[in-house]
N, C-alpha and C. Protein backbone atom coordinates (compact mmCIF):
# COMPACT_ATOMS: atom_id res chain seq x y z
N MET A 1 117.71 137.61 96.51
CA MET A 1 118.37 136.21 95.84
C MET A 1 117.89 135.25 95.32
N SER A 2 118.52 135.25 93.69
CA SER A 2 118.09 134.01 93.29
C SER A 2 118.10 132.42 93.42
N GLN A 3 117.45 131.39 93.29
CA GLN A 3 118.23 130.77 93.82
C GLN A 3 118.80 129.54 92.37
N PRO A 4 119.67 129.42 92.70
CA PRO A 4 120.37 128.47 91.46
C PRO A 4 119.33 127.13 91.02
N PRO A 5 119.79 127.04 89.99
CA PRO A 5 118.46 126.68 88.59
C PRO A 5 119.01 125.16 89.14
N LYS A 6 117.41 124.31 88.85
CA LYS A 6 117.36 122.88 89.45
C LYS A 6 117.96 122.01 88.02
N ASN A 7 119.29 121.32 88.59
CA ASN A 7 120.14 120.34 87.46
C ASN A 7 118.94 118.90 88.10
N LYS A 8 118.21 118.39 86.08
CA LYS A 8 117.85 117.24 86.57
C LYS A 8 118.86 116.40 86.86
N ASN A 9 119.93 116.59 86.02
CA ASN A 9 120.66 115.29 85.98
C ASN A 9 121.38 115.00 87.48
N ILE A 10 121.05 115.90 88.62
CA ILE A 10 121.81 115.22 89.70
C ILE A 10 121.76 114.15 90.00
N HIS A 11 122.32 113.31 90.39
CA HIS A 11 122.32 111.54 91.01
C HIS A 11 121.33 111.80 92.29
N HIS A 12 120.55 110.81 92.17
CA HIS A 12 119.39 110.81 93.15
C HIS A 12 119.39 109.06 93.74
N THR A 13 119.63 109.37 94.92
CA THR A 13 120.04 108.19 95.52
C THR A 13 118.65 107.21 95.88
N LEU A 14 118.19 106.24 95.53
CA LEU A 14 117.63 105.90 96.14
C LEU A 14 117.13 105.09 97.19
N THR A 15 116.09 105.40 97.85
CA THR A 15 115.44 104.90 99.20
C THR A 15 115.24 103.57 98.97
N ALA A 16 115.19 102.67 100.07
CA ALA A 16 114.78 101.35 99.98
C ALA A 16 113.57 100.68 99.19
N ILE A 17 112.62 101.33 99.45
CA ILE A 17 111.32 101.45 98.96
C ILE A 17 111.54 101.71 97.43
N GLU A 18 112.14 102.55 97.33
CA GLU A 18 111.77 103.07 95.44
C GLU A 18 112.71 101.82 94.84
N GLN A 19 113.96 101.30 95.80
CA GLN A 19 114.78 100.17 94.70
C GLN A 19 114.34 99.22 94.95
N PHE A 20 113.55 98.43 96.12
CA PHE A 20 112.47 97.83 95.92
C PHE A 20 111.63 97.77 94.91
N GLU A 21 110.45 98.75 94.87
CA GLU A 21 110.37 98.58 93.58
C GLU A 21 110.31 98.64 92.23
N ARG A 22 111.42 98.99 92.07
CA ARG A 22 112.31 98.97 90.36
C ARG A 22 112.53 97.57 90.67
N ASP A 23 112.91 97.01 91.43
CA ASP A 23 113.43 95.53 91.43
C ASP A 23 112.76 94.90 91.26
N ARG A 24 111.36 94.97 91.96
CA ARG A 24 110.22 93.72 91.32
C ARG A 24 109.58 93.91 89.81
N ILE A 25 109.73 95.41 89.62
CA ILE A 25 109.39 95.69 87.89
C ILE A 25 109.99 95.01 87.21
N ALA A 26 111.47 95.41 87.58
CA ALA A 26 111.99 94.22 86.89
C ALA A 26 112.14 92.96 86.38
N PHE A 27 111.46 92.21 87.68
CA PHE A 27 111.46 91.21 88.05
C PHE A 27 110.14 90.81 87.34
N ALA A 28 108.91 91.39 87.29
CA ALA A 28 107.94 90.95 86.76
C ALA A 28 107.93 91.40 85.41
N ILE A 29 108.66 92.14 85.02
CA ILE A 29 109.32 92.01 83.28
C ILE A 29 109.57 90.80 83.25
N VAL A 30 110.87 90.66 82.86
CA VAL A 30 111.43 89.03 83.09
C VAL A 30 110.44 87.99 83.29
N ALA A 31 109.66 88.10 84.34
CA ALA A 31 109.31 86.65 84.63
C ALA A 31 108.16 86.33 83.31
N LYS A 32 107.32 87.58 82.68
CA LYS A 32 106.54 87.78 82.05
C LYS A 32 107.38 86.87 80.70
N GLU A 33 108.86 87.17 80.39
CA GLU A 33 109.12 87.60 78.89
C GLU A 33 109.14 86.09 79.61
N THR A 34 110.05 84.88 79.86
CA THR A 34 110.29 83.80 80.57
C THR A 34 108.98 82.87 80.20
N GLY A 35 107.82 83.35 80.64
CA GLY A 35 106.50 82.70 80.66
C GLY A 35 106.52 82.35 82.02
N MET A 36 106.55 82.43 83.04
CA MET A 36 106.71 82.23 84.39
C MET A 36 105.63 83.39 85.15
N PHE A 37 105.26 84.36 84.79
CA PHE A 37 104.95 85.26 85.34
C PHE A 37 103.06 84.95 86.26
N ASP A 38 102.47 83.51 85.23
CA ASP A 38 100.93 82.98 85.40
C ASP A 38 101.95 82.42 87.07
N PHE A 39 102.46 81.67 86.84
CA PHE A 39 102.71 80.63 87.54
C PHE A 39 103.80 81.26 88.89
N ILE A 40 104.06 82.48 88.83
CA ILE A 40 104.03 83.08 90.34
C ILE A 40 103.57 83.73 91.06
N VAL A 41 102.32 84.61 89.86
CA VAL A 41 101.18 84.73 90.34
C VAL A 41 100.32 83.30 91.19
N LYS A 42 99.90 82.24 90.66
CA LYS A 42 99.32 81.49 91.20
C LYS A 42 100.46 80.96 92.44
N LEU A 43 101.36 81.21 92.47
CA LEU A 43 102.13 80.88 93.79
C LEU A 43 102.06 81.68 94.92
N ALA A 44 102.21 83.15 94.38
CA ALA A 44 101.83 83.69 95.66
C ALA A 44 100.09 84.21 95.75
N ASN A 45 98.79 83.56 95.08
CA ASN A 45 98.02 83.64 95.89
C ASN A 45 97.82 82.55 96.74
N THR A 46 98.60 81.46 96.28
CA THR A 46 98.14 80.67 97.50
C THR A 46 98.75 81.04 98.70
N PHE A 47 100.50 81.27 98.75
CA PHE A 47 100.30 81.49 99.95
C PHE A 47 101.42 82.92 100.26
N GLY A 48 100.93 83.56 99.64
CA GLY A 48 101.13 85.01 100.21
C GLY A 48 102.15 85.61 99.33
N ARG A 49 102.34 86.82 100.26
CA ARG A 49 103.20 87.35 99.51
C ARG A 49 104.84 86.29 99.52
N ILE A 50 105.70 87.14 98.34
CA ILE A 50 107.05 85.46 98.41
C ILE A 50 107.92 87.81 97.99
N PRO A 51 108.81 86.64 99.69
CA PRO A 51 110.06 87.97 100.50
C PRO A 51 110.97 88.41 99.38
N SER A 52 111.49 87.70 99.23
CA SER A 52 112.45 87.28 97.67
C SER A 52 112.39 86.52 96.77
N ALA A 53 113.09 86.37 95.30
CA ALA A 53 113.16 85.96 94.63
C ALA A 53 113.98 86.03 93.41
N SER A 54 114.17 85.21 92.53
CA SER A 54 115.12 85.52 91.28
C SER A 54 115.09 84.69 89.73
N ILE A 55 115.31 85.41 89.19
CA ILE A 55 115.52 84.52 88.11
C ILE A 55 116.43 84.76 86.74
N THR A 56 116.87 83.72 86.56
CA THR A 56 118.36 83.41 85.30
C THR A 56 117.42 82.92 84.43
N THR A 57 117.77 83.43 83.11
CA THR A 57 117.34 82.80 81.87
C THR A 57 118.22 82.07 81.13
N ASN A 58 118.11 81.18 80.42
CA ASN A 58 119.32 80.86 79.51
C ASN A 58 119.65 81.27 78.72
N ASP A 59 119.82 82.30 78.22
CA ASP A 59 121.08 83.94 77.64
C ASP A 59 121.70 84.41 79.17
N GLY A 60 121.45 84.05 80.44
CA GLY A 60 122.36 84.58 81.51
C GLY A 60 121.65 85.92 82.19
N VAL A 61 120.55 86.51 81.85
CA VAL A 61 120.00 87.42 82.47
C VAL A 61 119.31 87.26 83.56
N THR A 62 120.05 87.78 84.87
CA THR A 62 119.44 87.74 86.80
C THR A 62 118.99 88.70 86.62
N THR A 63 117.87 88.57 87.28
CA THR A 63 116.93 89.56 87.90
C THR A 63 116.63 88.92 89.42
N SER A 64 116.55 89.99 90.17
CA SER A 64 115.73 90.04 91.30
C SER A 64 115.21 90.63 92.28
N TYR A 65 114.50 90.17 93.77
CA TYR A 65 113.89 91.08 94.48
C TYR A 65 114.45 90.66 95.54
N LYS A 66 114.51 91.52 96.68
CA LYS A 66 114.41 91.47 98.00
C LYS A 66 113.84 91.68 98.79
N THR A 67 112.59 91.49 99.95
CA THR A 67 111.77 93.21 100.50
C THR A 67 112.87 93.60 101.64
N PRO A 68 113.38 94.59 101.66
CA PRO A 68 113.90 94.97 102.60
C PRO A 68 113.29 94.70 103.96
N GLN A 69 114.46 94.84 105.43
CA GLN A 69 114.13 94.25 106.57
C GLN A 69 113.34 95.15 106.99
N ASN A 70 113.03 96.51 106.63
CA ASN A 70 112.63 97.67 107.43
C ASN A 70 111.24 98.13 106.79
N ILE A 71 110.86 96.96 105.88
CA ILE A 71 109.38 97.55 104.77
C ILE A 71 108.80 96.16 105.77
N THR A 72 107.21 97.32 106.20
CA THR A 72 106.52 95.85 106.53
C THR A 72 105.20 95.98 105.91
N MET A 73 104.99 94.83 105.15
CA MET A 73 104.07 94.86 103.74
C MET A 73 102.27 94.59 104.37
N PRO A 74 101.77 95.21 103.81
CA PRO A 74 100.13 95.14 104.38
C PRO A 74 99.84 93.64 103.99
N LYS A 75 98.62 93.59 104.68
CA LYS A 75 98.11 91.64 104.58
C LYS A 75 98.14 91.30 102.99
N LEU A 76 97.74 90.68 102.50
CA LEU A 76 96.74 90.83 101.34
C LEU A 76 95.39 89.74 101.12
N HIS A 77 94.73 90.36 100.89
CA HIS A 77 93.36 89.95 100.82
C HIS A 77 92.93 88.84 99.85
N SER A 78 93.65 87.89 100.06
CA SER A 78 93.59 87.14 99.11
C SER A 78 92.62 85.82 99.07
N THR A 79 92.49 85.02 98.26
CA THR A 79 91.88 83.56 98.91
C THR A 79 92.37 83.12 100.10
N LYS A 80 91.38 82.39 100.86
CA LYS A 80 91.63 81.39 101.60
C LYS A 80 92.74 80.59 101.50
N GLN A 81 94.41 80.28 102.50
CA GLN A 81 95.18 79.27 102.01
C GLN A 81 94.38 77.67 102.55
N PRO A 82 94.92 76.94 101.52
CA PRO A 82 94.37 75.21 101.80
C PRO A 82 94.78 74.79 103.02
N ASP A 83 93.43 74.12 103.39
CA ASP A 83 94.03 74.01 104.83
C ASP A 83 95.05 72.17 104.71
N ILE A 84 95.91 72.05 105.18
CA ILE A 84 96.91 70.79 104.39
C ILE A 84 96.05 69.83 105.33
N ILE A 85 95.90 69.84 106.51
CA ILE A 85 95.23 68.83 107.74
C ILE A 85 93.23 69.27 107.64
N PRO A 86 92.98 68.36 107.42
CA PRO A 86 91.44 68.59 107.48
C PRO A 86 90.99 68.35 109.23
N LYS A 87 90.16 70.01 108.67
CA LYS A 87 89.80 70.14 110.95
C LYS A 87 89.10 69.02 110.82
N GLU A 88 88.67 68.59 112.27
CA GLU A 88 88.19 67.45 113.48
C GLU A 88 87.17 68.59 113.85
N LYS A 89 85.94 67.98 114.28
CA LYS A 89 85.03 69.00 114.71
C LYS A 89 85.75 68.31 116.42
N PRO A 90 85.26 69.81 117.23
CA PRO A 90 86.23 69.85 118.97
C PRO A 90 85.33 68.54 119.37
N ALA A 91 86.11 67.88 120.23
CA ALA A 91 84.76 66.64 120.95
C ALA A 91 83.61 67.71 121.85
N PRO A 92 82.83 67.02 122.17
CA PRO A 92 81.87 67.61 122.96
C PRO A 92 82.45 67.63 124.23
N THR A 93 82.00 69.12 124.98
CA THR A 93 83.04 69.20 126.55
C THR A 93 81.05 69.74 127.48
N LYS A 94 81.98 68.82 128.67
CA LYS A 94 80.82 68.94 129.58
C LYS A 94 81.88 70.21 130.65
N LYS A 95 80.46 70.65 131.13
CA LYS A 95 80.39 71.59 131.68
C LYS A 95 80.34 71.25 133.39
N ILE A 96 81.13 70.97 134.30
CA ILE A 96 81.28 70.58 135.02
C ILE A 96 81.04 72.09 136.13
N ILE A 97 79.98 72.47 137.42
CA ILE A 97 79.74 73.11 138.24
C ILE A 97 80.52 72.54 139.53
N SER A 98 81.36 73.08 140.04
CA SER A 98 81.95 73.36 141.40
C SER A 98 81.34 74.27 142.29
N ASN A 99 80.66 73.61 143.04
CA ASN A 99 80.58 74.97 144.02
C ASN A 99 80.99 74.30 145.36
N ASN A 100 82.41 74.98 145.94
CA ASN A 100 82.35 74.72 147.53
C ASN A 100 81.50 75.11 148.52
N TYR A 101 80.84 75.99 148.65
CA TYR A 101 79.64 76.56 149.38
C TYR A 101 79.11 75.60 149.46
N SER A 102 78.16 74.87 148.51
CA SER A 102 76.80 74.36 148.71
C SER A 102 77.72 72.49 149.10
N ARG A 103 78.95 72.44 148.98
CA ARG A 103 79.51 71.06 149.55
C ARG A 103 79.99 71.06 151.18
N SER A 104 80.25 72.80 151.42
CA SER A 104 79.96 73.03 152.87
C SER A 104 79.14 73.06 154.01
N LYS A 105 77.99 73.16 153.04
CA LYS A 105 76.60 73.29 153.90
C LYS A 105 76.55 72.00 153.98
N MET A 106 76.73 70.91 152.86
CA MET A 106 76.10 69.29 153.33
C MET A 106 76.67 68.66 153.85
N THR A 107 78.04 69.19 154.11
CA THR A 107 78.99 68.23 154.75
C THR A 107 78.33 68.57 156.46
N ARG A 108 77.94 69.91 156.52
CA ARG A 108 77.86 70.49 158.13
C ARG A 108 76.20 69.12 158.58
N PHE A 109 75.23 69.19 157.75
CA PHE A 109 74.25 68.72 157.69
C PHE A 109 74.09 67.16 157.98
N LYS A 110 75.51 66.66 157.45
CA LYS A 110 75.82 65.35 157.55
C LYS A 110 75.56 64.52 159.05
């Protein structure tokens, strides 16, 4: 029995990841057209991944994306985040050794 021919025009429902990738690509295209792409890249390099964003242009074109809740994004290996508060050197600590056995011996011989 032969299989029916595959129709390439069958409507395909996108998965959350596929829709997310398409939305991000559309967002990047509009960001490049509006000149905001370099600013967004600097922002992402400083603060890490941006979970959702939206752009509306002067002519009314709106594009956005949002990372779905069920997607765990891998961590970025980007530059170190700037320290807002400068780190202080920790205060030197003194190690105090408490030996109760030696204390009990000392009190018996007194």
